[in-house]
Every structure is written in structure tokens, then in C-alpha cells.
Amino acid sequence: MSEKQVDAWRARAAKEYPANLERMKPPMRLTLLAALCHVRHTEITDSLVELFIQLVLKINTRAEKKVDKEMTGELKKVRGKEAMMLRVAEAALSEPSGSVRKVIYPVVGGEKTLKALAAEAAANEAKYRRVSAPCCDRRTRRTSGGCSPRC
């Protein structure tokens, strides 16, 4: 059956009044109504699939924004990291046998600043790992039985 023929039957059924359809012989009436129902079914299915795709995209966008917001919320930027790291390196080289508390802490401004620096570096590393090595996709999980341990 050609698509043009089905479209022609659908168009004819759509423009007929119900009373005119009732007066038609059953084979013609049923053919026109079947074509109309088939085409409408296809149109509705296509519309639902498009709506579903839009919904999934919207959910993904929200999830990405939420993760980004959480990551930036956890991540407190430490100002002057490069200069601080230079001072740490110089202090460590000038007194290699000294303790961290006596040599490094005074240079960076205390333990709190060093912890913030470590937290920022860890958050950046986690974000980099997530972007550069995404978790297995659905096909991989289904065919191999699961994600790799790094996911």
C-alpha cells in the first residue's frame, strides 16, 4: 500500500461528515476510517516521542546544572595559588629538614589555607576525572554485565 494512497484516504475521511460516512458502503467506510486512524495514531506517537525527548533533555540539563552548582559550592577558590605554591617550594628548599608546621604553615598562612588548597585540588581532580572518563553507557552495562571499577 503506498503512502500517497493512505494519505488520500485519510484526507477524504477527514473532510467527510459523520453522516456521509455512515451512508457509505462498509468496505469504503472502513477503509477510510482505518486510514484516518492509522495516520492519526502515527502522528500522536511521533508527538509523544518528541515530547519525551524534550523532557529527557530538560532533565539532563537540570541535572548538569545541579551538579555544576554543587561542585562550585563545594569548591572554594584559593586566591594566589601560584604565588603560594612558589613560596612553599622556596621554603621547603631552604629548610628541607624542617617540619611542615614550622616551615610550610607560616608561608601559606596556616593550616586552614592549606586545607582549602587541598580541597580545591581534590574537587578539580574529581571534576576532571568525571569529564575525561565518563561512566559506561547503557549498552556496555547491558552487554558486559556492569561498569568497570573506575566508574
Protein backbone atom coordinates (compact mmCIF):
# COMPACT_ATOMS: atom_id res chain seq x y z
CA MET A 1 0.00 0.00 0.00
CA SER A 2 1.50 3.34 -1.00
CA GLU A 3 1.81 6.21 1.46
CA LYS A 4 0.12 8.54 -1.06
CA GLN A 5 -2.94 6.30 -1.21
CA VAL A 6 -3.23 6.14 2.60
CA ASP A 7 -2.85 9.94 2.82
CA ALA A 8 -5.54 10.40 0.18
CA TRP A 9 -7.95 8.13 2.12
CA ARG A 10 -7.14 9.95 5.36
CA ALA A 11 -7.79 13.34 3.74
CA ARG A 12 -11.09 12.10 2.29
CA ALA A 13 -12.22 10.66 5.64
CA ALA A 14 -11.24 13.85 7.47
CA LYS A 15 -13.34 16.10 5.26
CA GLU A 16 -16.43 13.88 5.26
CA TYR A 17 -19.25 14.46 7.72
CA PRO A 18 -20.03 11.51 10.00
CA ALA A 19 -23.47 11.18 8.42
CA ASN A 20 -21.90 10.82 4.97
CA LEU A 21 -19.52 8.17 6.30
CA GLU A 22 -22.47 6.22 7.71
CA ARG A 23 -24.18 6.19 4.32
CA MET A 24 -21.13 4.75 2.56
CA LYS A 25 -20.85 1.05 1.88
CA PRO A 26 -18.98 -0.76 4.69
CA PRO A 27 -15.81 -1.59 2.72
CA MET A 28 -15.25 2.04 1.71
CA ARG A 29 -16.24 3.44 5.13
CA LEU A 30 -13.95 1.03 6.97
CA THR A 31 -11.07 1.71 4.61
CA LEU A 32 -11.35 5.48 5.07
CA LEU A 33 -11.69 5.21 8.84
CA ALA A 34 -8.79 2.76 9.09
CA ALA A 35 -6.57 5.13 7.08
CA LEU A 36 -7.64 8.06 9.27
CA CYS A 37 -6.98 6.12 12.49
CA HIS A 38 -3.64 4.80 11.26
CA VAL A 39 -2.33 8.23 10.29
CA ARG A 40 -3.59 9.87 13.50
CA HIS A 41 -2.03 7.05 15.54
CA THR A 42 1.31 7.67 13.81
CA GLU A 43 1.07 11.45 14.34
CA ILE A 44 0.23 11.06 18.03
CA THR A 45 3.05 8.57 18.56
CA ASP A 46 5.54 10.90 16.87
CA SER A 47 4.36 13.82 19.02
CA LEU A 48 4.69 11.77 22.20
CA VAL A 49 8.20 10.67 21.27
CA GLU A 50 9.20 14.30 20.62
CA LEU A 51 7.75 15.37 23.97
CA PHE A 52 9.60 12.55 25.71
CA ILE A 53 12.90 13.55 24.08
CA GLN A 54 12.37 17.17 25.14
CA LEU A 55 11.61 16.04 28.68
CA VAL A 56 14.75 13.91 28.87
CA LEU A 57 16.87 16.80 27.55
CA LYS A 58 15.34 19.13 30.12
CA ILE A 59 16.03 16.65 32.94
CA ASN A 60 19.63 16.22 31.76
CA THR A 61 20.13 19.98 31.63
CA ARG A 62 18.76 20.41 35.14
CA ALA A 63 20.94 17.59 36.44
CA GLU A 64 24.06 19.07 34.86
CA LYS A 65 23.27 22.50 36.31
CA LYS A 66 22.68 20.98 39.74
CA VAL A 67 25.97 19.07 39.66
CA ASP A 68 27.85 22.17 38.48
CA LYS A 69 26.26 24.24 41.24
CA GLU A 70 27.18 21.64 43.87
CA MET A 71 30.73 21.40 42.57
CA THR A 72 31.24 25.16 42.59
CA GLY A 73 29.58 25.39 46.00
CA GLU A 74 32.00 22.86 47.47
CA LEU A 75 34.89 24.44 45.69
CA LYS A 76 36.21 27.50 47.49
CA LYS A 77 38.76 29.23 45.35
CA VAL A 78 42.07 29.97 46.99
CA ARG A 79 43.45 33.25 45.70
CA GLY A 80 47.07 33.46 44.66
CA LYS A 81 47.66 29.71 44.41
CA GLU A 82 50.64 30.01 42.07
CA ALA A 83 52.46 32.54 44.25
CA MET A 84 51.65 30.48 47.34
CA MET A 85 53.00 27.31 45.73
CA LEU A 86 56.18 29.19 44.80
CA ARG A 87 56.62 30.31 48.42
CA VAL A 88 56.00 26.74 49.64
CA ALA A 89 58.60 25.37 47.23
CA GLU A 90 61.13 28.01 48.23
CA ALA A 91 60.52 27.38 51.94
CA ALA A 92 60.81 23.61 51.50
CA LEU A 93 64.05 24.01 49.56
CA SER A 94 65.54 26.45 52.05
CA GLU A 95 64.86 24.16 55.04
CA PRO A 96 64.49 20.59 53.73
CA SER A 97 64.87 19.01 57.16
CA GLY A 98 62.39 21.35 58.92
CA SER A 99 58.90 20.25 59.97
CA VAL A 100 55.88 21.15 57.84
CA ARG A 101 54.29 23.03 60.73
CA LYS A 102 57.38 25.25 61.23
CA VAL A 103 58.41 25.73 57.59
CA ILE A 104 55.30 25.48 55.35
CA TYR A 105 52.38 26.68 57.51
CA PRO A 106 53.79 30.19 58.13
CA VAL A 107 54.43 30.66 54.40
CA VAL A 108 50.88 29.78 53.29
CA GLY A 109 49.05 31.44 56.14
CA GLY A 110 48.23 28.45 58.29
CA GLU A 111 46.65 25.05 58.23
CA LYS A 112 43.23 26.37 57.17
CA THR A 113 44.60 27.79 53.90
CA LEU A 114 46.48 24.59 53.16
CA LYS A 115 43.31 22.53 53.74
CA ALA A 116 41.35 24.83 51.39
CA LEU A 117 44.05 24.41 48.77
CA ALA A 118 43.91 20.62 49.11
CA ALA A 119 40.09 20.63 48.90
CA GLU A 120 40.16 22.74 45.74
CA ALA A 121 42.72 20.47 44.11
CA ALA A 122 40.68 17.37 45.04
CA ALA A 123 37.47 18.89 43.65
CA ASN A 124 39.22 19.87 40.43
CA GLU A 125 40.66 16.36 40.09
CA ALA A 126 37.23 14.76 40.64
CA LYS A 127 35.64 17.07 38.08
CA TYR A 128 38.42 16.33 35.58
CA ARG A 129 38.03 12.57 36.12
CA ARG A 130 34.26 12.76 35.58
CA VAL A 131 34.63 14.76 32.35
CA SER A 132 37.55 12.86 30.84
CA ALA A 133 36.42 9.32 31.73
CA PRO A 134 32.61 9.15 31.74
CA CYS A 135 30.89 6.12 33.20
CA CYS A 136 29.95 3.26 30.92
CA ASP A 137 26.90 3.76 28.77
CA ARG A 138 23.73 1.73 28.94
CA ARG A 139 24.81 -0.58 26.09
CA THR A 140 28.04 -1.50 27.88
CA ARG A 141 26.22 -2.30 31.12
CA ARG A 142 23.68 -4.44 29.30
CA THR A 143 26.17 -6.41 27.19
CA SER A 144 29.04 -6.83 29.64
CA GLY A 145 27.07 -7.06 32.84
CA GLY A 146 28.32 -3.89 34.50
CA CYS A 147 30.58 -0.88 34.58
CA SER A 148 34.27 -1.06 35.14
CA PRO A 149 35.55 -0.46 38.69
CA ARG A 150 36.68 3.06 37.78
CA CYS A 151 33.10 4.25 37.18
